[in-house]
Amino acid sequence: KVSTKCWLVHLILGFIFADEAYICYQMWRDGVTI
């Protein structure tokens, strides 16, 4: 129970950071400043 709860927190954060990094990288390749 404890390890699964903690893991899910990190899994969600990891998904968010990876998704945002990918989106921003694609924007950067297209010349968008942000």
PDB file of all heavy atoms in Angstrom:
ATOM      1  N   LYS A   1       0.815  -1.218   0.000  1.00  0.00           N
ATOM      2  CA  LYS A   1       0.000   0.000   0.000  1.00  0.00           C
ATOM      3  C   LYS A   1       0.849   1.269   0.000  1.00  0.00           C
ATOM      4  O   LYS A   1       0.645   2.167  -0.827  1.00  0.00           O
ATOM      5  CB  LYS A   1      -0.944   0.001   1.204  1.00  0.00           C
ATOM      6  CG  LYS A   1      -2.065  -1.022   1.110  1.00  0.00           C
ATOM      7  CD  LYS A   1      -3.015  -0.898   2.296  1.00  0.00           C
ATOM      8  CE  LYS A   1      -4.156  -1.914   2.186  1.00  0.00           C
ATOM      9  NZ  LYS A   1      -5.091  -1.804   3.346  1.00  0.00           N
ATOM     10  N   VAL A   2       1.781   1.350   0.932  1.00  0.00           N
ATOM     11  CA  VAL A   2       2.606   2.561   1.053  1.00  0.00           C
ATOM     12  C   VAL A   2       3.437   2.792  -0.198  1.00  0.00           C
ATOM     13  O   VAL A   2       3.457   3.905  -0.761  1.00  0.00           O
ATOM     14  CB  VAL A   2       3.532   2.477   2.282  1.00  0.00           C
ATOM     15  CG1 VAL A   2       4.522   3.638   2.294  1.00  0.00           C
ATOM     16  CG2 VAL A   2       2.711   2.483   3.563  1.00  0.00           C
ATOM     17  N   SER A   3       4.131   1.764  -0.656  1.00  0.00           N
ATOM     18  CA  SER A   3       5.009   1.929  -1.818  1.00  0.00           C
ATOM     19  C   SER A   3       4.227   2.214  -3.091  1.00  0.00           C
ATOM     20  O   SER A   3       4.683   2.979  -3.952  1.00  0.00           O
ATOM     21  CB  SER A   3       5.887   0.681  -2.006  1.00  0.00           C
ATOM     22  OG  SER A   3       5.109  -0.490  -2.025  1.00  0.00           O
ATOM     23  N   THR A   4       3.028   1.641  -3.223  1.00  0.00           N
ATOM     24  CA  THR A   4       2.213   1.902  -4.411  1.00  0.00           C
ATOM     25  C   THR A   4       1.713   3.337  -4.432  1.00  0.00           C
ATOM     26  O   THR A   4       1.734   3.996  -5.484  1.00  0.00           O
ATOM     27  CB  THR A   4       1.007   0.933  -4.471  1.00  0.00           C
ATOM     28  OG1 THR A   4       1.480  -0.409  -4.543  1.00  0.00           O
ATOM     29  CG2 THR A   4       0.149   1.214  -5.695  1.00  0.00           C
ATOM     30  N   LYS A   5       1.278   3.841  -3.281  1.00  0.00           N
ATOM     31  CA  LYS A   5       0.822   5.237  -3.203  1.00  0.00           C
ATOM     32  C   LYS A   5       1.949   6.197  -3.585  1.00  0.00           C
ATOM     33  O   LYS A   5       1.753   7.130  -4.371  1.00  0.00           O
ATOM     34  CB  LYS A   5       0.326   5.550  -1.793  1.00  0.00           C
ATOM     35  CG  LYS A   5      -1.001   4.900  -1.429  1.00  0.00           C
ATOM     36  CD  LYS A   5      -1.388   5.237   0.005  1.00  0.00           C
ATOM     37  CE  LYS A   5      -2.694   4.553   0.404  1.00  0.00           C
ATOM     38  NZ  LYS A   5      -3.038   4.840   1.823  1.00  0.00           N
ATOM     39  N   CYS A   6       3.124   5.973  -3.017  1.00  0.00           N
ATOM     40  CA  CYS A   6       4.267   6.845  -3.315  1.00  0.00           C
ATOM     41  C   CYS A   6       4.672   6.741  -4.782  1.00  0.00           C
ATOM     42  O   CYS A   6       4.969   7.752  -5.436  1.00  0.00           O
ATOM     43  CB  CYS A   6       5.452   6.478  -2.423  1.00  0.00           C
ATOM     44  SG  CYS A   6       5.198   6.815  -0.662  1.00  0.00           S
ATOM     45  N   TRP A   7       4.671   5.522  -5.309  1.00  0.00           N
ATOM     46  CA  TRP A   7       5.049   5.313  -6.710  1.00  0.00           C
ATOM     47  C   TRP A   7       4.087   6.024  -7.651  1.00  0.00           C
ATOM     48  O   TRP A   7       4.507   6.631  -8.645  1.00  0.00           O
ATOM     49  CB  TRP A   7       5.110   3.829  -7.023  1.00  0.00           C
ATOM     50  CG  TRP A   7       5.111   3.498  -8.485  1.00  0.00           C
ATOM     51  CD1 TRP A   7       4.155   2.840  -9.185  1.00  0.00           C
ATOM     52  CD2 TRP A   7       6.139   3.832  -9.437  1.00  0.00           C
ATOM     53  NE1 TRP A   7       4.503   2.733 -10.500  1.00  0.00           N
ATOM     54  CE2 TRP A   7       5.716   3.335 -10.686  1.00  0.00           C
ATOM     55  CE3 TRP A   7       7.355   4.504  -9.344  1.00  0.00           C
ATOM     56  CZ2 TRP A   7       6.478   3.486 -11.834  1.00  0.00           C
ATOM     57  CZ3 TRP A   7       8.115   4.664 -10.500  1.00  0.00           C
ATOM     58  CH2 TRP A   7       7.688   4.158 -11.723  1.00  0.00           C
ATOM     59  N   LEU A   8       2.799   5.958  -7.366  1.00  0.00           N
ATOM     60  CA  LEU A   8       1.807   6.591  -8.237  1.00  0.00           C
ATOM     61  C   LEU A   8       1.994   8.107  -8.271  1.00  0.00           C
ATOM     62  O   LEU A   8       1.793   8.745  -9.311  1.00  0.00           O
ATOM     63  CB  LEU A   8       0.390   6.242  -7.776  1.00  0.00           C
ATOM     64  CG  LEU A   8      -0.047   4.798  -8.050  1.00  0.00           C
ATOM     65  CD1 LEU A   8      -1.435   4.536  -7.475  1.00  0.00           C
ATOM     66  CD2 LEU A   8      -0.021   4.484  -9.538  1.00  0.00           C
ATOM     67  N   VAL A   9       2.382   8.697  -7.147  1.00  0.00           N
ATOM     68  CA  VAL A   9       2.667  10.139  -7.116  1.00  0.00           C
ATOM     69  C   VAL A   9       3.799  10.458  -8.081  1.00  0.00           C
ATOM     70  O   VAL A   9       3.710  11.387  -8.898  1.00  0.00           O
ATOM     71  CB  VAL A   9       3.030  10.605  -5.690  1.00  0.00           C
ATOM     72  CG1 VAL A   9       3.559  12.050  -5.715  1.00  0.00           C
ATOM     73  CG2 VAL A   9       1.817  10.517  -4.775  1.00  0.00           C
ATOM     74  N   HIS A  10       4.880   9.693  -7.989  1.00  0.00           N
ATOM     75  CA  HIS A  10       6.034   9.927  -8.865  1.00  0.00           C
ATOM     76  C   HIS A  10       5.713   9.597 -10.321  1.00  0.00           C
ATOM     77  O   HIS A  10       6.212  10.262 -11.238  1.00  0.00           O
ATOM     78  CB  HIS A  10       7.222   9.083  -8.400  1.00  0.00           C
ATOM     79  CG  HIS A  10       7.843   9.570  -7.138  1.00  0.00           C
ATOM     80  ND1 HIS A  10       8.388  10.828  -7.006  1.00  0.00           N
ATOM     81  CD2 HIS A  10       7.995   8.965  -5.924  1.00  0.00           C
ATOM     82  CE1 HIS A  10       8.866  10.986  -5.790  1.00  0.00           C
ATOM     83  NE2 HIS A  10       8.629   9.875  -5.107  1.00  0.00           N
ATOM     84  N   LEU A  11       4.898   8.578 -10.536  1.00  0.00           N
ATOM     85  CA  LEU A  11       4.522   8.193 -11.897  1.00  0.00           C
ATOM     86  C   LEU A  11       3.732   9.304 -12.574  1.00  0.00           C
ATOM     87  O   LEU A  11       3.993   9.652 -13.738  1.00  0.00           O
ATOM     88  CB  LEU A  11       3.697   6.911 -11.867  1.00  0.00           C
ATOM     89  CG  LEU A  11       3.294   6.318 -13.231  1.00  0.00           C
ATOM     90  CD1 LEU A  11       4.541   5.923 -14.021  1.00  0.00           C
ATOM     91  CD2 LEU A  11       2.376   5.107 -13.037  1.00  0.00           C
ATOM     92  N   ILE A  12       2.791   9.888 -11.847  1.00  0.00           N
ATOM     93  CA  ILE A  12       1.981  10.984 -12.390  1.00  0.00           C
ATOM     94  C   ILE A  12       2.853  12.190 -12.683  1.00  0.00           C
ATOM     95  O   ILE A  12       2.755  12.812 -13.750  1.00  0.00           O
ATOM     96  CB  ILE A  12       0.849  11.347 -11.411  1.00  0.00           C
ATOM     97  CG1 ILE A  12      -0.166  10.204 -11.330  1.00  0.00           C
ATOM     98  CG2 ILE A  12       0.155  12.637 -11.851  1.00  0.00           C
ATOM     99  CD1 ILE A  12      -1.190  10.370 -10.227  1.00  0.00           C
ATOM    100  N   LEU A  13       3.729  12.542 -11.728  1.00  0.00           N
ATOM    101  CA  LEU A  13       4.629  13.674 -11.943  1.00  0.00           C
ATOM    102  C   LEU A  13       5.552  13.419 -13.133  1.00  0.00           C
ATOM    103  O   LEU A  13       5.782  14.316 -13.954  1.00  0.00           O
ATOM    104  CB  LEU A  13       5.472  13.920 -10.689  1.00  0.00           C
ATOM    105  CG  LEU A  13       4.746  14.523  -9.483  1.00  0.00           C
ATOM    106  CD1 LEU A  13       5.682  14.582  -8.280  1.00  0.00           C
ATOM    107  CD2 LEU A  13       4.219  15.917  -9.814  1.00  0.00           C
ATOM    108  N   GLY A  14       6.053  12.194 -13.228  1.00  0.00           N
ATOM    109  CA  GLY A  14       6.938  11.852 -14.332  1.00  0.00           C
ATOM    110  C   GLY A  14       6.248  11.966 -15.676  1.00  0.00           C
ATOM    111  O   GLY A  14       6.839  12.448 -16.659  1.00  0.00           O
ATOM    112  N   PHE A  15       4.998  11.528 -15.734  1.00  0.00           N
ATOM    113  CA  PHE A  15       4.229  11.629 -16.977  1.00  0.00           C
ATOM    114  C   PHE A  15       4.011  13.098 -17.360  1.00  0.00           C
ATOM    115  O   PHE A  15       4.164  13.479 -18.528  1.00  0.00           O
ATOM    116  CB  PHE A  15       2.878  10.932 -16.825  1.00  0.00           C
ATOM    117  CG  PHE A  15       1.989  11.069 -18.035  1.00  0.00           C
ATOM    118  CD1 PHE A  15       2.177  10.271 -19.152  1.00  0.00           C
ATOM    119  CD2 PHE A  15       0.972  12.029 -18.060  1.00  0.00           C
ATOM    120  CE1 PHE A  15       1.373  10.409 -20.278  1.00  0.00           C
ATOM    121  CE2 PHE A  15       0.158  12.173 -19.176  1.00  0.00           C
ATOM    122  CZ  PHE A  15       0.364  11.364 -20.292  1.00  0.00           C
ATOM    123  N   ILE A  16       3.676  13.924 -16.392  1.00  0.00           N
ATOM    124  CA  ILE A  16       3.431  15.352 -16.652  1.00  0.00           C
ATOM    125  C   ILE A  16       4.695  16.024 -17.162  1.00  0.00           C
ATOM    126  O   ILE A  16       4.673  16.745 -18.172  1.00  0.00           O
ATOM    127  CB  ILE A  16       2.927  16.063 -15.381  1.00  0.00           C
ATOM    128  CG1 ILE A  16       1.527  15.551 -15.009  1.00  0.00           C
ATOM    129  CG2 ILE A  16       2.907  17.583 -15.580  1.00  0.00           C
ATOM    130  CD1 ILE A  16       1.031  16.067 -13.670  1.00  0.00           C
ATOM    131  N   PHE A  17       5.825  15.811 -16.476  1.00  0.00           N
ATOM    132  CA  PHE A  17       7.084  16.444 -16.871  1.00  0.00           C
ATOM    133  C   PHE A  17       7.531  15.976 -18.260  1.00  0.00           C
ATOM    134  O   PHE A  17       7.985  16.784 -19.081  1.00  0.00           O
ATOM    135  CB  PHE A  17       8.185  16.146 -15.849  1.00  0.00           C
ATOM    136  CG  PHE A  17       7.924  16.719 -14.490  1.00  0.00           C
ATOM    137  CD1 PHE A  17       8.386  16.079 -13.343  1.00  0.00           C
ATOM    138  CD2 PHE A  17       7.210  17.901 -14.344  1.00  0.00           C
ATOM    139  CE1 PHE A  17       8.154  16.613 -12.091  1.00  0.00           C
ATOM    140  CE2 PHE A  17       6.968  18.444 -13.086  1.00  0.00           C
ATOM    141  CZ  PHE A  17       7.438  17.792 -11.955  1.00  0.00           C
ATOM    142  N   ALA A  18       7.407  14.677 -18.527  1.00  0.00           N
ATOM    143  CA  ALA A  18       7.818  14.134 -19.824  1.00  0.00           C
ATOM    144  C   ALA A  18       6.935  14.667 -20.941  1.00  0.00           C
ATOM    145  O   ALA A  18       7.424  15.027 -22.025  1.00  0.00           O
ATOM    146  CB  ALA A  18       7.765  12.604 -19.796  1.00  0.00           C
ATOM    147  N   ASP A  19       5.629  14.740 -20.678  1.00  0.00           N
ATOM    148  CA  ASP A  19       4.689  15.229 -21.686  1.00  0.00           C
ATOM    149  C   ASP A  19       4.953  16.695 -22.010  1.00  0.00           C
ATOM    150  O   ASP A  19       4.996  17.083 -23.191  1.00  0.00           O
ATOM    151  CB  ASP A  19       3.253  15.046 -21.172  1.00  0.00           C
ATOM    152  CG  ASP A  19       2.219  15.444 -22.223  1.00  0.00           C
ATOM    153  OD1 ASP A  19       2.220  14.829 -23.304  1.00  0.00           O
ATOM    154  OD2 ASP A  19       1.417  16.360 -21.959  1.00  0.00           O
ATOM    155  N   GLU A  20       5.146  17.501 -20.972  1.00  0.00           N
ATOM    156  CA  GLU A  20       5.406  18.935 -21.180  1.00  0.00           C
ATOM    157  C   GLU A  20       6.747  19.155 -21.876  1.00  0.00           C
ATOM    158  O   GLU A  20       6.884  20.046 -22.726  1.00  0.00           O
ATOM    159  CB  GLU A  20       5.376  19.679 -19.845  1.00  0.00           C
ATOM    160  CG  GLU A  20       4.010  19.732 -19.189  1.00  0.00           C
ATOM    161  CD  GLU A  20       2.985  20.439 -20.063  1.00  0.00           C
ATOM    162  OE1 GLU A  20       3.334  21.453 -20.696  1.00  0.00           O
ATOM    163  OE2 GLU A  20       1.834  19.966 -20.133  1.00  0.00           O
ATOM    164  N   ALA A  21       7.744  18.344 -21.518  1.00  0.00           N
ATOM    165  CA  ALA A  21       9.057  18.466 -22.154  1.00  0.00           C
ATOM    166  C   ALA A  21       8.960  18.151 -23.645  1.00  0.00           C
ATOM    167  O   ALA A  21       9.561  18.850 -24.481  1.00  0.00           O
ATOM    168  CB  ALA A  21      10.055  17.532 -21.475  1.00  0.00           C
ATOM    169  N   TYR A  22       8.190  17.126 -23.977  1.00  0.00           N
ATOM    170  CA  TYR A  22       8.031  16.740 -25.383  1.00  0.00           C
ATOM    171  C   TYR A  22       7.313  17.829 -26.174  1.00  0.00           C
ATOM    172  O   TYR A  22       7.749  18.197 -27.276  1.00  0.00           O
ATOM    173  CB  TYR A  22       7.245  15.434 -25.473  1.00  0.00           C
ATOM    174  CG  TYR A  22       6.947  15.009 -26.893  1.00  0.00           C
ATOM    175  CD1 TYR A  22       7.922  14.403 -27.670  1.00  0.00           C
ATOM    176  CD2 TYR A  22       5.685  15.246 -27.457  1.00  0.00           C
ATOM    177  CE1 TYR A  22       7.661  14.017 -28.977  1.00  0.00           C
ATOM    178  CE2 TYR A  22       5.416  14.869 -28.767  1.00  0.00           C
ATOM    179  CZ  TYR A  22       6.407  14.259 -29.524  1.00  0.00           C
ATOM    180  OH  TYR A  22       6.143  13.899 -30.818  1.00  0.00           O
ATOM    181  N   ILE A  23       6.239  18.362 -25.611  1.00  0.00           N
ATOM    182  CA  ILE A  23       5.464  19.411 -26.289  1.00  0.00           C
ATOM    183  C   ILE A  23       6.322  20.649 -26.513  1.00  0.00           C
ATOM    184  O   ILE A  23       6.353  21.221 -27.611  1.00  0.00           O
ATOM    185  CB  ILE A  23       4.209  19.777 -25.475  1.00  0.00           C
ATOM    186  CG1 ILE A  23       3.225  18.604 -25.469  1.00  0.00           C
ATOM    187  CG2 ILE A  23       3.533  21.025 -26.049  1.00  0.00           C
ATOM    188  CD1 ILE A  23       2.041  18.808 -24.548  1.00  0.00           C
ATOM    189  N   CYS A  24       7.033  21.062 -25.465  1.00  0.00           N
ATOM    190  CA  CYS A  24       7.876  22.257 -25.574  1.00  0.00           C
ATOM    191  C   CYS A  24       9.022  22.052 -26.561  1.00  0.00           C
ATOM    192  O   CYS A  24       9.400  22.975 -27.295  1.00  0.00           O
ATOM    193  CB  CYS A  24       8.432  22.638 -24.202  1.00  0.00           C
ATOM    194  SG  CYS A  24       7.190  23.308 -23.071  1.00  0.00           S
ATOM    195  N   TYR A  25       9.561  20.824 -26.577  1.00  0.00           N
ATOM    196  CA  TYR A  25      10.661  20.539 -27.508  1.00  0.00           C
ATOM    197  C   TYR A  25      10.189  20.646 -28.947  1.00  0.00           C
ATOM    198  O   TYR A  25      10.921  21.180 -29.809  1.00  0.00           O
ATOM    199  CB  TYR A  25      11.228  19.151 -27.236  1.00  0.00           C
ATOM    200  CG  TYR A  25      12.383  18.789 -28.143  1.00  0.00           C
ATOM    201  CD1 TYR A  25      13.637  19.377 -27.956  1.00  0.00           C
ATOM    202  CD2 TYR A  25      12.217  17.882 -29.187  1.00  0.00           C
ATOM    203  CE1 TYR A  25      14.698  19.056 -28.794  1.00  0.00           C
ATOM    204  CE2 TYR A  25      13.271  17.562 -30.028  1.00  0.00           C
ATOM    205  CZ  TYR A  25      14.513  18.149 -29.826  1.00  0.00           C
ATOM    206  OH  TYR A  25      15.565  17.840 -30.663  1.00  0.00           O
ATOM    207  N   GLN A  26       8.999  20.148 -29.218  1.00  0.00           N
ATOM    208  CA  GLN A  26       8.445  20.252 -30.564  1.00  0.00           C
ATOM    209  C   GLN A  26       8.227  21.708 -30.949  1.00  0.00           C
ATOM    210  O   GLN A  26       8.472  22.111 -32.098  1.00  0.00           O
ATOM    211  CB  GLN A  26       7.128  19.466 -30.653  1.00  0.00           C
ATOM    212  CG  GLN A  26       7.271  17.958 -30.469  1.00  0.00           C
ATOM    213  CD  GLN A  26       8.231  17.336 -31.467  1.00  0.00           C
ATOM    214  OE1 GLN A  26       8.221  17.655 -32.658  1.00  0.00           O
ATOM    215  NE2 GLN A  26       9.083  16.436 -30.985  1.00  0.00           N
ATOM    216  N   MET A  27       7.771  22.515 -30.002  1.00  0.00           N
ATOM    217  CA  MET A  27       7.589  23.946 -30.246  1.00  0.00           C
ATOM    218  C   MET A  27       8.926  24.620 -30.516  1.00  0.00           C
ATOM    219  O   MET A  27       9.042  25.477 -31.408  1.00  0.00           O
ATOM    220  CB  MET A  27       6.909  24.596 -29.027  1.00  0.00           C
ATOM    221  CG  MET A  27       5.474  24.128 -28.796  1.00  0.00           C
ATOM    222  SD  MET A  27       4.800  24.718 -27.217  1.00  0.00           S
ATOM    223  CE  MET A  27       4.807  26.501 -27.492  1.00  0.00           C
ATOM    224  N   TRP A  28       9.945  24.214 -29.757  1.00  0.00           N
ATOM    225  CA  TRP A  28      11.283  24.788 -29.922  1.00  0.00           C
ATOM    226  C   TRP A  28      11.840  24.462 -31.309  1.00  0.00           C
ATOM    227  O   TRP A  28      12.456  25.311 -31.959  1.00  0.00           O
ATOM    228  CB  TRP A  28      12.193  24.223 -28.829  1.00  0.00           C
ATOM    229  CG  TRP A  28      13.607  24.704 -28.894  1.00  0.00           C
ATOM    230  CD1 TRP A  28      14.076  25.945 -28.579  1.00  0.00           C
ATOM    231  CD2 TRP A  28      14.751  23.935 -29.307  1.00  0.00           C
ATOM    232  NE1 TRP A  28      15.432  26.008 -28.757  1.00  0.00           N
ATOM    233  CE2 TRP A  28      15.880  24.789 -29.199  1.00  0.00           C
ATOM    234  CE3 TRP A  28      14.929  22.623 -29.730  1.00  0.00           C
ATOM    235  CZ2 TRP A  28      17.158  24.362 -29.515  1.00  0.00           C
ATOM    236  CZ3 TRP A  28      16.206  22.198 -30.043  1.00  0.00           C
ATOM    237  CH2 TRP A  28      17.297  23.054 -29.938  1.00  0.00           C
ATOM    238  N   ARG A  29      11.608  23.234 -31.774  1.00  0.00           N
ATOM    239  CA  ARG A  29      12.060  22.835 -33.104  1.00  0.00           C
ATOM    240  C   ARG A  29      11.346  23.631 -34.190  1.00  0.00           C
ATOM    241  O   ARG A  29      11.911  23.871 -35.267  1.00  0.00           O
ATOM    242  CB  ARG A  29      11.805  21.344 -33.324  1.00  0.00           C
ATOM    243  CG  ARG A  29      12.709  20.438 -32.505  1.00  0.00           C
ATOM    244  CD  ARG A  29      12.508  18.992 -32.875  1.00  0.00           C
ATOM    245  NE  ARG A  29      12.826  18.740 -34.281  1.00  0.00           N
ATOM    246  CZ  ARG A  29      12.647  17.583 -34.909  1.00  0.00           C
ATOM    247  NH1 ARG A  29      12.133  16.560 -34.224  1.00  0.00           N
ATOM    248  NH2 ARG A  29      12.950  17.438 -36.175  1.00  0.00           N
ATOM    249  N   ASP A  30      10.106  24.038 -33.906  1.00  0.00           N
ATOM    250  CA  ASP A  30       9.340  24.812 -34.883  1.00  0.00           C
ATOM    251  C   ASP A  30       9.633  26.304 -34.793  1.00  0.00           C
ATOM    252  O   ASP A  30       9.000  27.111 -35.488  1.00  0.00           O
ATOM    253  CB  ASP A  30       7.836  24.574 -34.668  1.00  0.00           C
ATOM    254  CG  ASP A  30       7.431  23.144 -35.021  1.00  0.00           C
ATOM    255  OD1 ASP A  30       8.157  22.519 -35.810  1.00  0.00           O
ATOM    256  OD2 ASP A  30       6.402  22.671 -34.506  1.00  0.00           O
ATOM    257  N   GLY A  31      10.553  26.685 -33.909  1.00  0.00           N
ATOM    258  CA  GLY A  31      10.957  28.077 -33.810  1.00  0.00           C
ATOM    259  C   GLY A  31      10.138  28.933 -32.853  1.00  0.00           C
ATOM    260  O   GLY A  31      10.280  30.156 -32.838  1.00  0.00           O
ATOM    261  N   VAL A  32       9.278  28.289 -32.049  1.00  0.00           N
ATOM    262  CA  VAL A  32       8.492  29.027 -31.065  1.00  0.00           C
ATOM    263  C   VAL A  32       9.375  29.314 -29.850  1.00  0.00           C
ATOM    264  O   VAL A  32       9.963  28.406 -29.264  1.00  0.00           O
ATOM    265  CB  VAL A  32       7.246  28.222 -30.624  1.00  0.00           C
ATOM    266  CG1 VAL A  32       6.440  29.017 -29.605  1.00  0.00           C
ATOM    267  CG2 VAL A  32       6.404  27.881 -31.842  1.00  0.00           C
ATOM    268  N   THR A  33       9.460  30.590 -29.467  1.00  0.00           N
ATOM    269  CA  THR A  33      10.386  31.022 -28.425  1.00  0.00           C
ATOM    270  C   THR A  33      10.176  30.294 -27.099  1.00  0.00           C
ATOM    271  O   THR A  33      11.128  29.850 -26.445  1.00  0.00           O
ATOM    272  CB  THR A  33      10.247  32.540 -28.184  1.00  0.00           C
ATOM    273  OG1 THR A  33      10.456  33.231 -29.419  1.00  0.00           O
ATOM    274  CG2 THR A  33      11.281  33.016 -27.167  1.00  0.00           C
ATOM    275  N   ILE A  34       8.929  30.156 -26.690  1.00  0.00           N
ATOM    276  CA  ILE A  34       8.621  29.536 -25.397  1.00  0.00           C
ATOM    277  C   ILE A  34       9.037  28.070 -25.346  1.00  0.00           C
ATOM    278  O   ILE A  34       9.074  27.453 -24.270  1.00  0.00           O
ATOM    279  CB  ILE A  34       7.104  29.672 -25.096  1.00  0.00           C
ATOM    280  CG1 ILE A  34       6.801  29.382 -23.612  1.00  0.00           C
ATOM    281  CG2 ILE A  34       6.312  28.730 -25.991  1.00  0.00           C
ATOM    282  CD1 ILE A  34       7.413  30.338 -22.655  1.00  0.00           C
TER     283      ILE A  34
END
